[in-house]
Amino acid sequence: QVVPLTNELRQKLNLEGPMRGLVVLMVIRVEFTDGTVYDDEKTYKAMV
């Protein structure tokens, strides 16, 4: 359940001030019903 971000919650959760985090999302591998594969694991491991 997403609730509004109030000033009180900002302080409690320490969500004030400058940027302090970055998360990069990536698809590592996809398997198709025909048996073929998309694979980007090498790039994923390099990013991590």
All heavy atoms as atom14 arrays in JSON, in Angstrom:
{
  "sequence": "QVVPLTNELRQKLNLEGPMRGLVVLMVIRVEFTDGTVYDDEKTYKAMV",
  "atom14_mask": [
    [1, 1, 1, 1, 1, 1, 1, 1, 1, 0, 0, 0, 0, 0],
    [1, 1, 1, 1, 1, 1, 1, 0, 0, 0, 0, 0, 0, 0],
    [1, 1, 1, 1, 1, 1, 1, 0, 0, 0, 0, 0, 0, 0],
    [1, 1, 1, 1, 1, 1, 1, 0, 0, 0, 0, 0, 0, 0],
    [1, 1, 1, 1, 1, 1, 1, 1, 0, 0, 0, 0, 0, 0],
    [1, 1, 1, 1, 1, 1, 1, 0, 0, 0, 0, 0, 0, 0],
    [1, 1, 1, 1, 1, 1, 1, 1, 0, 0, 0, 0, 0, 0],
    [1, 1, 1, 1, 1, 1, 1, 1, 1, 0, 0, 0, 0, 0],
    [1, 1, 1, 1, 1, 1, 1, 1, 0, 0, 0, 0, 0, 0],
    [1, 1, 1, 1, 1, 1, 1, 1, 1, 1, 1, 0, 0, 0],
    [1, 1, 1, 1, 1, 1, 1, 1, 1, 0, 0, 0, 0, 0],
    [1, 1, 1, 1, 1, 1, 1, 1, 1, 0, 0, 0, 0, 0],
    [1, 1, 1, 1, 1, 1, 1, 1, 0, 0, 0, 0, 0, 0],
    [1, 1, 1, 1, 1, 1, 1, 1, 0, 0, 0, 0, 0, 0],
    [1, 1, 1, 1, 1, 1, 1, 1, 0, 0, 0, 0, 0, 0],
    [1, 1, 1, 1, 1, 1, 1, 1, 1, 0, 0, 0, 0, 0],
    [1, 1, 1, 1, 0, 0, 0, 0, 0, 0, 0, 0, 0, 0],
    [1, 1, 1, 1, 1, 1, 1, 0, 0, 0, 0, 0, 0, 0],
    [1, 1, 1, 1, 1, 1, 1, 1, 0, 0, 0, 0, 0, 0],
    [1, 1, 1, 1, 1, 1, 1, 1, 1, 1, 1, 0, 0, 0],
    [1, 1, 1, 1, 0, 0, 0, 0, 0, 0, 0, 0, 0, 0],
    [1, 1, 1, 1, 1, 1, 1, 1, 0, 0, 0, 0, 0, 0],
    [1, 1, 1, 1, 1, 1, 1, 0, 0, 0, 0, 0, 0, 0],
    [1, 1, 1, 1, 1, 1, 1, 0, 0, 0, 0, 0, 0, 0],
    [1, 1, 1, 1, 1, 1, 1, 1, 0, 0, 0, 0, 0, 0],
    [1, 1, 1, 1, 1, 1, 1, 1, 0, 0, 0, 0, 0, 0],
    [1, 1, 1, 1, 1, 1, 1, 0, 0, 0, 0, 0, 0, 0],
    [1, 1, 1, 1, 1, 1, 1, 1, 0, 0, 0, 0, 0, 0],
    [1, 1, 1, 1, 1, 1, 1, 1, 1, 1, 1, 0, 0, 0],
    [1, 1, 1, 1, 1, 1, 1, 0, 0, 0, 0, 0, 0, 0],
    [1, 1, 1, 1, 1, 1, 1, 1, 1, 0, 0, 0, 0, 0],
    [1, 1, 1, 1, 1, 1, 1, 1, 1, 1, 1, 0, 0, 0],
    [1, 1, 1, 1, 1, 1, 1, 0, 0, 0, 0, 0, 0, 0],
    [1, 1, 1, 1, 1, 1, 1, 1, 0, 0, 0, 0, 0, 0],
    [1, 1, 1, 1, 0, 0, 0, 0, 0, 0, 0, 0, 0, 0],
    [1, 1, 1, 1, 1, 1, 1, 0, 0, 0, 0, 0, 0, 0],
    [1, 1, 1, 1, 1, 1, 1, 0, 0, 0, 0, 0, 0, 0],
    [1, 1, 1, 1, 1, 1, 1, 1, 1, 1, 1, 1, 0, 0],
    [1, 1, 1, 1, 1, 1, 1, 1, 0, 0, 0, 0, 0, 0],
    [1, 1, 1, 1, 1, 1, 1, 1, 0, 0, 0, 0, 0, 0],
    [1, 1, 1, 1, 1, 1, 1, 1, 1, 0, 0, 0, 0, 0],
    [1, 1, 1, 1, 1, 1, 1, 1, 1, 0, 0, 0, 0, 0],
    [1, 1, 1, 1, 1, 1, 1, 0, 0, 0, 0, 0, 0, 0],
    [1, 1, 1, 1, 1, 1, 1, 1, 1, 1, 1, 1, 0, 0],
    [1, 1, 1, 1, 1, 1, 1, 1, 1, 0, 0, 0, 0, 0],
    [1, 1, 1, 1, 1, 0, 0, 0, 0, 0, 0, 0, 0, 0],
    [1, 1, 1, 1, 1, 1, 1, 1, 0, 0, 0, 0, 0, 0],
    [1, 1, 1, 1, 1, 1, 1, 0, 0, 0, 0, 0, 0, 0]
  ],
  "atom14_positions": [
    [[0.85, -1.19, 0.0], [0.0, 0.0, 0.0], [0.89, 1.24, 0.0], [1.64, 1.48, 0.95], [-0.91, 0.01, 1.23], [-1.76, 1.25, 1.33], [-2.52, 1.34, 2.63], [-2.37, 0.51, 3.52], [-3.33, 2.37, 2.76], [0.0, 0.0, 0.0], [0.0, 0.0, 0.0], [0.0, 0.0, 0.0], [0.0, 0.0, 0.0], [0.0, 0.0, 0.0]],
    [[0.83, 2.03, -1.07], [1.61, 3.25, -1.16], [0.87, 4.34, -0.38], [-0.31, 4.6, -0.63], [1.82, 3.69, -2.62], [2.6, 5.0, -2.69], [2.56, 2.6, -3.4], [0.0, 0.0, 0.0], [0.0, 0.0, 0.0], [0.0, 0.0, 0.0], [0.0, 0.0, 0.0], [0.0, 0.0, 0.0], [0.0, 0.0, 0.0], [0.0, 0.0, 0.0]],
    [[1.59, 4.95, 0.56], [1.02, 6.05, 1.36], [1.77, 7.33, 1.0], [2.9, 7.3, 0.51], [1.11, 5.76, 2.88], [0.31, 4.52, 3.23], [2.55, 5.61, 3.33], [0.0, 0.0, 0.0], [0.0, 0.0, 0.0], [0.0, 0.0, 0.0], [0.0, 0.0, 0.0], [0.0, 0.0, 0.0], [0.0, 0.0, 0.0], [0.0, 0.0, 0.0]],
    [[1.12, 8.49, 1.23], [1.78, 9.76, 0.9], [3.05, 9.96, 1.73], [3.11, 9.58, 2.9], [0.73, 10.81, 1.27], [-0.57, 10.09, 1.35], [-0.24, 8.67, 1.72], [0.0, 0.0, 0.0], [0.0, 0.0, 0.0], [0.0, 0.0, 0.0], [0.0, 0.0, 0.0], [0.0, 0.0, 0.0], [0.0, 0.0, 0.0], [0.0, 0.0, 0.0]],
    [[4.04, 10.6, 1.12], [5.29, 10.9, 1.8], [5.14, 12.24, 2.52], [5.3, 13.3, 1.93], [6.46, 10.94, 0.82], [7.84, 11.23, 1.41], [8.21, 10.19, 2.45], [8.88, 11.29, 0.31], [0.0, 0.0, 0.0], [0.0, 0.0, 0.0], [0.0, 0.0, 0.0], [0.0, 0.0, 0.0], [0.0, 0.0, 0.0], [0.0, 0.0, 0.0]],
    [[4.81, 12.18, 3.78], [4.66, 13.38, 4.59], [6.02, 13.86, 5.08], [7.01, 13.12, 5.0], [3.76, 13.09, 5.81], [4.44, 12.1, 6.62], [2.39, 12.57, 5.39], [0.0, 0.0, 0.0], [0.0, 0.0, 0.0], [0.0, 0.0, 0.0], [0.0, 0.0, 0.0], [0.0, 0.0, 0.0], [0.0, 0.0, 0.0], [0.0, 0.0, 0.0]],
    [[6.07, 15.07, 5.59], [7.32, 15.59, 6.16], [7.79, 14.7, 7.31], [8.99, 14.46, 7.47], [7.15, 17.03, 6.63], [7.05, 17.99, 5.46], [7.52, 17.7, 4.37], [6.42, 19.13, 5.69], [0.0, 0.0, 0.0], [0.0, 0.0, 0.0], [0.0, 0.0, 0.0], [0.0, 0.0, 0.0], [0.0, 0.0, 0.0], [0.0, 0.0, 0.0]],
    [[6.85, 14.22, 8.1], [7.2, 13.33, 9.23], [7.85, 12.04, 8.73], [8.87, 11.6, 9.26], [5.93, 13.0, 10.02], [6.17, 12.1, 11.21], [4.87, 11.73, 11.92], [4.0, 12.61, 12.06], [4.76, 10.56, 12.33], [0.0, 0.0, 0.0], [0.0, 0.0, 0.0], [0.0, 0.0, 0.0], [0.0, 0.0, 0.0], [0.0, 0.0, 0.0]],
    [[7.28, 11.44, 7.67], [7.87, 10.22, 7.11], [9.21, 10.5, 6.45], [10.12, 9.67, 6.52], [6.91, 9.56, 6.13], [5.76, 8.78, 6.75], [4.79, 8.29, 5.67], [6.28, 7.61, 7.57], [0.0, 0.0, 0.0], [0.0, 0.0, 0.0], [0.0, 0.0, 0.0], [0.0, 0.0, 0.0], [0.0, 0.0, 0.0], [0.0, 0.0, 0.0]],
    [[9.36, 11.64, 5.79], [10.65, 12.01, 5.19], [11.75, 11.99, 6.25], [12.83, 11.47, 6.03], [10.59, 13.41, 4.58], [10.19, 13.45, 3.16], [10.32, 14.9, 2.66], [9.72, 15.05, 1.38], [10.37, 14.9, 0.23], [11.64, 14.58, 0.24], [9.75, 15.06, -0.9], [0.0, 0.0, 0.0], [0.0, 0.0, 0.0], [0.0, 0.0, 0.0]],
    [[11.45, 12.59, 7.41], [12.43, 12.63, 8.49], [12.67, 11.24, 9.07], [13.81, 10.83, 9.26], [11.97, 13.59, 9.59], [12.06, 15.04, 9.17], [11.56, 15.98, 10.24], [10.73, 15.63, 11.08], [12.07, 17.21, 10.22], [0.0, 0.0, 0.0], [0.0, 0.0, 0.0], [0.0, 0.0, 0.0], [0.0, 0.0, 0.0], [0.0, 0.0, 0.0]],
    [[11.6, 10.52, 9.35], [11.72, 9.19, 9.95], [12.54, 8.25, 9.07], [13.38, 7.48, 9.56], [10.33, 8.6, 10.18], [10.35, 7.16, 10.68], [8.96, 6.58, 10.76], [9.04, 5.1, 11.09], [7.74, 4.45, 11.02], [0.0, 0.0, 0.0], [0.0, 0.0, 0.0], [0.0, 0.0, 0.0], [0.0, 0.0, 0.0], [0.0, 0.0, 0.0]],
    [[12.31, 8.3, 7.76], [12.98, 7.39, 6.82], [14.28, 7.97, 6.25], [14.9, 7.35, 5.39], [12.02, 7.02, 5.68], [10.73, 6.33, 6.12], [9.8, 6.13, 4.92], [11.03, 5.0, 6.8], [0.0, 0.0, 0.0], [0.0, 0.0, 0.0], [0.0, 0.0, 0.0], [0.0, 0.0, 0.0], [0.0, 0.0, 0.0], [0.0, 0.0, 0.0]],
    [[14.64, 9.17, 6.72], [15.87, 9.82, 6.27], [15.87, 10.02, 4.75], [16.84, 9.71, 4.07], [17.1, 9.02, 6.73], [18.36, 9.83, 6.64], [18.32, 11.06, 6.65], [19.48, 9.16, 6.55], [0.0, 0.0, 0.0], [0.0, 0.0, 0.0], [0.0, 0.0, 0.0], [0.0, 0.0, 0.0], [0.0, 0.0, 0.0], [0.0, 0.0, 0.0]],
    [[14.76, 10.54, 4.24], [14.61, 10.77, 2.81], [14.68, 12.26, 2.5], [13.92, 12.79, 1.7], [13.3, 10.17, 2.3], [13.2, 8.66, 2.4], [11.83, 8.18, 1.95], [14.3, 7.97, 1.6], [0.0, 0.0, 0.0], [0.0, 0.0, 0.0], [0.0, 0.0, 0.0], [0.0, 0.0, 0.0], [0.0, 0.0, 0.0], [0.0, 0.0, 0.0]],
    [[15.62, 12.93, 3.14], [15.84, 14.35, 2.93], [17.26, 14.57, 2.48], [18.12, 13.72, 2.7], [15.58, 15.12, 4.23], [14.17, 14.98, 4.75], [13.97, 15.69, 6.08], [14.71, 15.36, 7.03], [13.09, 16.54, 6.14], [0.0, 0.0, 0.0], [0.0, 0.0, 0.0], [0.0, 0.0, 0.0], [0.0, 0.0, 0.0], [0.0, 0.0, 0.0]],
    [[17.5, 15.72, 1.9], [18.87, 16.08, 1.53], [19.25, 15.63, 0.15], [18.4, 15.3, -0.67], [0.0, 0.0, 0.0], [0.0, 0.0, 0.0], [0.0, 0.0, 0.0], [0.0, 0.0, 0.0], [0.0, 0.0, 0.0], [0.0, 0.0, 0.0], [0.0, 0.0, 0.0], [0.0, 0.0, 0.0], [0.0, 0.0, 0.0], [0.0, 0.0, 0.0]],
    [[20.54, 15.58, -0.1], [21.03, 15.27, -1.44], [20.86, 13.78, -1.79], [20.59, 12.95, -0.92], [22.53, 15.61, -1.36], [22.87, 15.39, 0.08], [21.64, 15.8, 0.85], [0.0, 0.0, 0.0], [0.0, 0.0, 0.0], [0.0, 0.0, 0.0], [0.0, 0.0, 0.0], [0.0, 0.0, 0.0], [0.0, 0.0, 0.0], [0.0, 0.0, 0.0]],
    [[21.04, 13.49, -3.05], [20.94, 12.1, -3.51], [22.0, 11.26, -2.82], [23.15, 11.65, -2.7], [21.12, 11.99, -5.03], [20.93, 10.57, -5.53], [21.0, 10.41, -7.31], [19.5, 11.23, -7.79], [0.0, 0.0, 0.0], [0.0, 0.0, 0.0], [0.0, 0.0, 0.0], [0.0, 0.0, 0.0], [0.0, 0.0, 0.0], [0.0, 0.0, 0.0]],
    [[21.56, 10.07, -2.36], [22.47, 9.19, -1.64], [22.43, 7.76, -2.17], [23.06, 6.89, -1.6], [22.12, 9.2, -0.16], [22.35, 10.54, 0.49], [22.06, 10.51, 1.97], [20.72, 10.08, 2.3], [19.65, 10.87, 2.37], [19.77, 12.14, 2.11], [18.47, 10.41, 2.7], [0.0, 0.0, 0.0], [0.0, 0.0, 0.0], [0.0, 0.0, 0.0]],
    [[21.68, 7.53, -3.2], [21.62, 6.17, -3.7], [21.21, 6.11, -5.15], [20.48, 6.97, -5.64], [0.0, 0.0, 0.0], [0.0, 0.0, 0.0], [0.0, 0.0, 0.0], [0.0, 0.0, 0.0], [0.0, 0.0, 0.0], [0.0, 0.0, 0.0], [0.0, 0.0, 0.0], [0.0, 0.0, 0.0], [0.0, 0.0, 0.0], [0.0, 0.0, 0.0]],
    [[21.72, 5.11, -5.83], [21.42, 4.87, -7.24], [21.32, 3.37, -7.44], [22.2, 2.62, -6.99], [22.55, 5.44, -8.11], [22.49, 5.14, -9.6], [21.33, 5.91, -10.24], [23.79, 5.52, -10.26], [0.0, 0.0, 0.0], [0.0, 0.0, 0.0], [0.0, 0.0, 0.0], [0.0, 0.0, 0.0], [0.0, 0.0, 0.0], [0.0, 0.0, 0.0]],
    [[20.25, 2.94, -8.07], [20.07, 1.53, -8.38], [19.85, 1.41, -9.88], [18.99, 2.1, -10.44], [18.87, 0.93, -7.62], [18.62, -0.51, -8.04], [19.08, 1.02, -6.12], [0.0, 0.0, 0.0], [0.0, 0.0, 0.0], [0.0, 0.0, 0.0], [0.0, 0.0, 0.0], [0.0, 0.0, 0.0], [0.0, 0.0, 0.0], [0.0, 0.0, 0.0]],
    [[20.64, 0.56, -10.52], [20.5, 0.32, -11.96], [19.86, -1.05, -12.14], [20.35, -2.05, -11.61], [21.87, 0.37, -12.68], [21.69, 0.14, -14.17], [22.58, 1.69, -12.41], [0.0, 0.0, 0.0], [0.0, 0.0, 0.0], [0.0, 0.0, 0.0], [0.0, 0.0, 0.0], [0.0, 0.0, 0.0], [0.0, 0.0, 0.0], [0.0, 0.0, 0.0]],
    [[18.75, -1.08, -12.88], [18.05, -2.33, -13.16], [18.45, -2.83, -14.54], [18.7, -2.04, -15.46], [16.54, -2.11, -13.12], [15.99, -1.6, -11.79], [14.54, -1.18, -11.95], [16.14, -2.65, -10.72], [0.0, 0.0, 0.0], [0.0, 0.0, 0.0], [0.0, 0.0, 0.0], [0.0, 0.0, 0.0], [0.0, 0.0, 0.0], [0.0, 0.0, 0.0]],
    [[18.48, -4.16, -14.68], [18.95, -4.74, -15.93], [18.35, -6.12, -16.14], [18.16, -6.88, -15.19], [20.48, -4.83, -15.88], [21.12, -5.24, -17.13], [22.92, -5.09, -16.97], [23.36, -5.83, -18.52], [0.0, 0.0, 0.0], [0.0, 0.0, 0.0], [0.0, 0.0, 0.0], [0.0, 0.0, 0.0], [0.0, 0.0, 0.0], [0.0, 0.0, 0.0]],
    [[18.07, -6.46, -17.39], [17.64, -7.81, -17.75], [18.9, -8.62, -18.0], [19.77, -8.22, -18.77], [16.75, -7.8, -19.01], [16.4, -9.21, -19.44], [15.49, -6.97, -18.77], [0.0, 0.0, 0.0], [0.0, 0.0, 0.0], [0.0, 0.0, 0.0], [0.0, 0.0, 0.0], [0.0, 0.0, 0.0], [0.0, 0.0, 0.0], [0.0, 0.0, 0.0]],
    [[19.0, -9.76, -17.31], [20.19, -10.59, -17.43], [20.01, -11.66, -18.5], [20.88, -11.88, -19.33], [20.51, -11.27, -16.07], [20.72, -10.19, -15.0], [21.72, -12.18, -16.19], [20.78, -10.73, -13.59], [0.0, 0.0, 0.0], [0.0, 0.0, 0.0], [0.0, 0.0, 0.0], [0.0, 0.0, 0.0], [0.0, 0.0, 0.0], [0.0, 0.0, 0.0]],
    [[18.86, -12.32, -18.48], [18.64, -13.45, -19.39], [17.15, -13.6, -19.66], [16.34, -13.43, -18.76], [19.2, -14.72, -18.76], [19.09, -15.96, -19.6], [19.7, -17.15, -18.84], [19.45, -18.39, -19.51], [20.2, -18.91, -20.48], [21.26, -18.28, -20.88], [19.89, -20.06, -21.03], [0.0, 0.0, 0.0], [0.0, 0.0, 0.0], [0.0, 0.0, 0.0]],
    [[16.82, -13.94, -20.9], [15.44, -14.22, -21.29], [15.43, -15.51, -22.1], [16.22, -15.67, -23.03], [14.83, -13.07, -22.15], [13.42, -13.42, -22.6], [14.86, -11.75, -21.4], [0.0, 0.0, 0.0], [0.0, 0.0, 0.0], [0.0, 0.0, 0.0], [0.0, 0.0, 0.0], [0.0, 0.0, 0.0], [0.0, 0.0, 0.0], [0.0, 0.0, 0.0]],
    [[14.53, -16.43, -21.73], [14.35, -17.67, -22.47], [13.0, -17.61, -23.17], [11.97, -17.35, -22.54], [14.39, -18.87, -21.52], [15.72, -19.02, -20.81], [15.7, -20.12, -19.76], [14.85, -21.02, -19.86], [16.53, -20.05, -18.84], [0.0, 0.0, 0.0], [0.0, 0.0, 0.0], [0.0, 0.0, 0.0], [0.0, 0.0, 0.0], [0.0, 0.0, 0.0]],
    [[13.0, -17.89, -24.46], [11.77, -17.84, -25.25], [11.16, -19.23, -25.34], [11.83, -20.24, -25.13], [12.08, -17.31, -26.66], [12.65, -15.92, -26.64], [14.02, -15.71, -26.75], [11.83, -14.82, -26.5], [14.55, -14.44, -26.73], [12.34, -13.53, -26.48], [13.72, -13.35, -26.59], [0.0, 0.0, 0.0], [0.0, 0.0, 0.0], [0.0, 0.0, 0.0]],
    [[9.88, -19.28, -25.68], [9.18, -20.56, -25.78], [9.73, -21.41, -26.92], [9.57, -22.63, -26.9], [7.66, -20.35, -25.97], [7.44, -19.5, -27.1], [7.04, -19.73, -24.72], [0.0, 0.0, 0.0], [0.0, 0.0, 0.0], [0.0, 0.0, 0.0], [0.0, 0.0, 0.0], [0.0, 0.0, 0.0], [0.0, 0.0, 0.0], [0.0, 0.0, 0.0]],
    [[10.39, -20.79, -27.91], [10.96, -21.57, -29.02], [12.35, -22.14, -28.69], [12.99, -22.76, -29.54], [11.0, -20.74, -30.3], [11.99, -19.58, -30.25], [12.7, -19.4, -29.23], [12.06, -18.82, -31.25], [0.0, 0.0, 0.0], [0.0, 0.0, 0.0], [0.0, 0.0, 0.0], [0.0, 0.0, 0.0], [0.0, 0.0, 0.0], [0.0, 0.0, 0.0]],
    [[12.84, -21.89, -27.46], [14.13, -22.44, -27.04], [15.3, -21.49, -27.22], [16.4, -21.77, -26.72], [0.0, 0.0, 0.0], [0.0, 0.0, 0.0], [0.0, 0.0, 0.0], [0.0, 0.0, 0.0], [0.0, 0.0, 0.0], [0.0, 0.0, 0.0], [0.0, 0.0, 0.0], [0.0, 0.0, 0.0], [0.0, 0.0, 0.0], [0.0, 0.0, 0.0]],
    [[15.13, -20.37, -27.91], [16.22, -19.41, -28.07], [16.36, -18.57, -26.8], [15.46, -18.54, -25.96], [16.01, -18.5, -29.3], [14.76, -17.81, -29.16], [16.02, -19.33, -30.59], [0.0, 0.0, 0.0], [0.0, 0.0, 0.0], [0.0, 0.0, 0.0], [0.0, 0.0, 0.0], [0.0, 0.0, 0.0], [0.0, 0.0, 0.0], [0.0, 0.0, 0.0]],
    [[17.52, -17.87, -26.72], [17.84, -17.15, -25.48], [18.44, -15.78, -25.81], [19.22, -15.64, -26.74], [18.86, -17.97, -24.65], [19.39, -17.18, -23.47], [18.26, -19.28, -24.19], [0.0, 0.0, 0.0], [0.0, 0.0, 0.0], [0.0, 0.0, 0.0], [0.0, 0.0, 0.0], [0.0, 0.0, 0.0], [0.0, 0.0, 0.0], [0.0, 0.0, 0.0]],
    [[18.06, -14.79, -25.01], [18.75, -13.5, -24.97], [19.58, -13.53, -23.7], [19.05, -13.81, -22.61], [17.74, -12.35, -24.91], [18.36, -11.02, -24.54], [18.93, -10.2, -25.5], [18.4, -10.59, -23.21], [19.52, -8.99, -25.17], [18.99, -9.38, -22.86], [19.54, -8.59, -23.83], [20.12, -7.4, -23.5], [0.0, 0.0, 0.0], [0.0, 0.0, 0.0]],
    [[20.89, -13.25, -23.8], [21.77, -13.35, -22.64], [22.68, -12.12, -22.55], [23.43, -11.85, -23.49], [22.61, -14.62, -22.74], [23.41, -14.91, -21.47], [23.52, -14.02, -20.61], [23.91, -16.04, -21.36], [0.0, 0.0, 0.0], [0.0, 0.0, 0.0], [0.0, 0.0, 0.0], [0.0, 0.0, 0.0], [0.0, 0.0, 0.0], [0.0, 0.0, 0.0]],
    [[22.6, -11.39, -21.44], [23.45, -10.23, -21.21], [24.14, -10.34, -19.84], [24.44, -9.35, -19.2], [22.63, -8.94, -21.3], [23.46, -7.74, -21.73], [24.66, -7.91, -22.03], [22.91, -6.63, -21.76], [0.0, 0.0, 0.0], [0.0, 0.0, 0.0], [0.0, 0.0, 0.0], [0.0, 0.0, 0.0], [0.0, 0.0, 0.0], [0.0, 0.0, 0.0]],
    [[24.41, -11.58, -19.42], [25.0, -11.82, -18.11], [26.4, -11.23, -17.98], [26.77, -10.72, -16.92], [25.03, -13.32, -17.78], [25.49, -13.6, -16.37], [25.33, -15.05, -15.98], [24.99, -15.89, -16.83], [25.56, -15.35, -14.8], [0.0, 0.0, 0.0], [0.0, 0.0, 0.0], [0.0, 0.0, 0.0], [0.0, 0.0, 0.0], [0.0, 0.0, 0.0]],
    [[27.17, -11.26, -19.04], [28.53, -10.73, -19.0], [28.49, -9.23, -18.66], [29.25, -8.76, -17.81], [29.22, -10.95, -20.34], [30.64, -10.47, -20.4], [31.27, -10.79, -21.74], [32.68, -10.26, -21.83], [33.29, -10.52, -23.14], [0.0, 0.0, 0.0], [0.0, 0.0, 0.0], [0.0, 0.0, 0.0], [0.0, 0.0, 0.0], [0.0, 0.0, 0.0]],
    [[27.59, -8.49, -19.29], [27.45, -7.06, -19.0], [26.95, -6.84, -17.59], [27.42, -5.95, -16.88], [26.49, -6.4, -20.01], [26.96, -6.67, -21.33], [26.4, -4.9, -19.79], [0.0, 0.0, 0.0], [0.0, 0.0, 0.0], [0.0, 0.0, 0.0], [0.0, 0.0, 0.0], [0.0, 0.0, 0.0], [0.0, 0.0, 0.0], [0.0, 0.0, 0.0]],
    [[26.0, -7.66, -17.16], [25.46, -7.54, -15.8], [26.57, -7.72, -14.76], [26.7, -6.92, -13.84], [24.32, -8.54, -15.57], [23.84, -8.53, -14.14], [23.09, -7.47, -13.65], [24.19, -9.55, -13.26], [22.68, -7.43, -12.33], [23.78, -9.52, -11.94], [23.02, -8.47, -11.48], [22.62, -8.43, -10.18], [0.0, 0.0, 0.0], [0.0, 0.0, 0.0]],
    [[27.37, -8.75, -14.92], [28.45, -9.01, -13.96], [29.46, -7.87, -13.96], [29.97, -7.47, -12.9], [29.14, -10.33, -14.28], [28.31, -11.54, -13.9], [29.04, -12.83, -14.2], [28.25, -14.03, -13.71], [28.95, -15.29, -13.97], [0.0, 0.0, 0.0], [0.0, 0.0, 0.0], [0.0, 0.0, 0.0], [0.0, 0.0, 0.0], [0.0, 0.0, 0.0]],
    [[29.75, -7.31, -15.13], [30.68, -6.18, -15.22], [30.1, -4.96, -14.5], [30.82, -4.24, -13.79], [30.97, -5.85, -16.68], [0.0, 0.0, 0.0], [0.0, 0.0, 0.0], [0.0, 0.0, 0.0], [0.0, 0.0, 0.0], [0.0, 0.0, 0.0], [0.0, 0.0, 0.0], [0.0, 0.0, 0.0], [0.0, 0.0, 0.0], [0.0, 0.0, 0.0]],
    [[28.8, -4.72, -14.65], [28.17, -3.58, -13.97], [28.23, -3.74, -12.45], [28.57, -2.8, -11.74], [26.71, -3.42, -14.41], [26.0, -2.31, -13.64], [24.22, -2.22, -13.88], [23.64, -3.75, -13.19], [0.0, 0.0, 0.0], [0.0, 0.0, 0.0], [0.0, 0.0, 0.0], [0.0, 0.0, 0.0], [0.0, 0.0, 0.0], [0.0, 0.0, 0.0]],
    [[27.9, -4.92, -11.96], [27.92, -5.16, -10.51], [29.33, -4.97, -9.96], [29.51, -4.33, -8.92], [27.35, -6.55, -10.18], [27.59, -6.91, -8.72], [25.85, -6.61, -10.49], [0.0, 0.0, 0.0], [0.0, 0.0, 0.0], [0.0, 0.0, 0.0], [0.0, 0.0, 0.0], [0.0, 0.0, 0.0], [0.0, 0.0, 0.0], [0.0, 0.0, 0.0]]
  ]
}
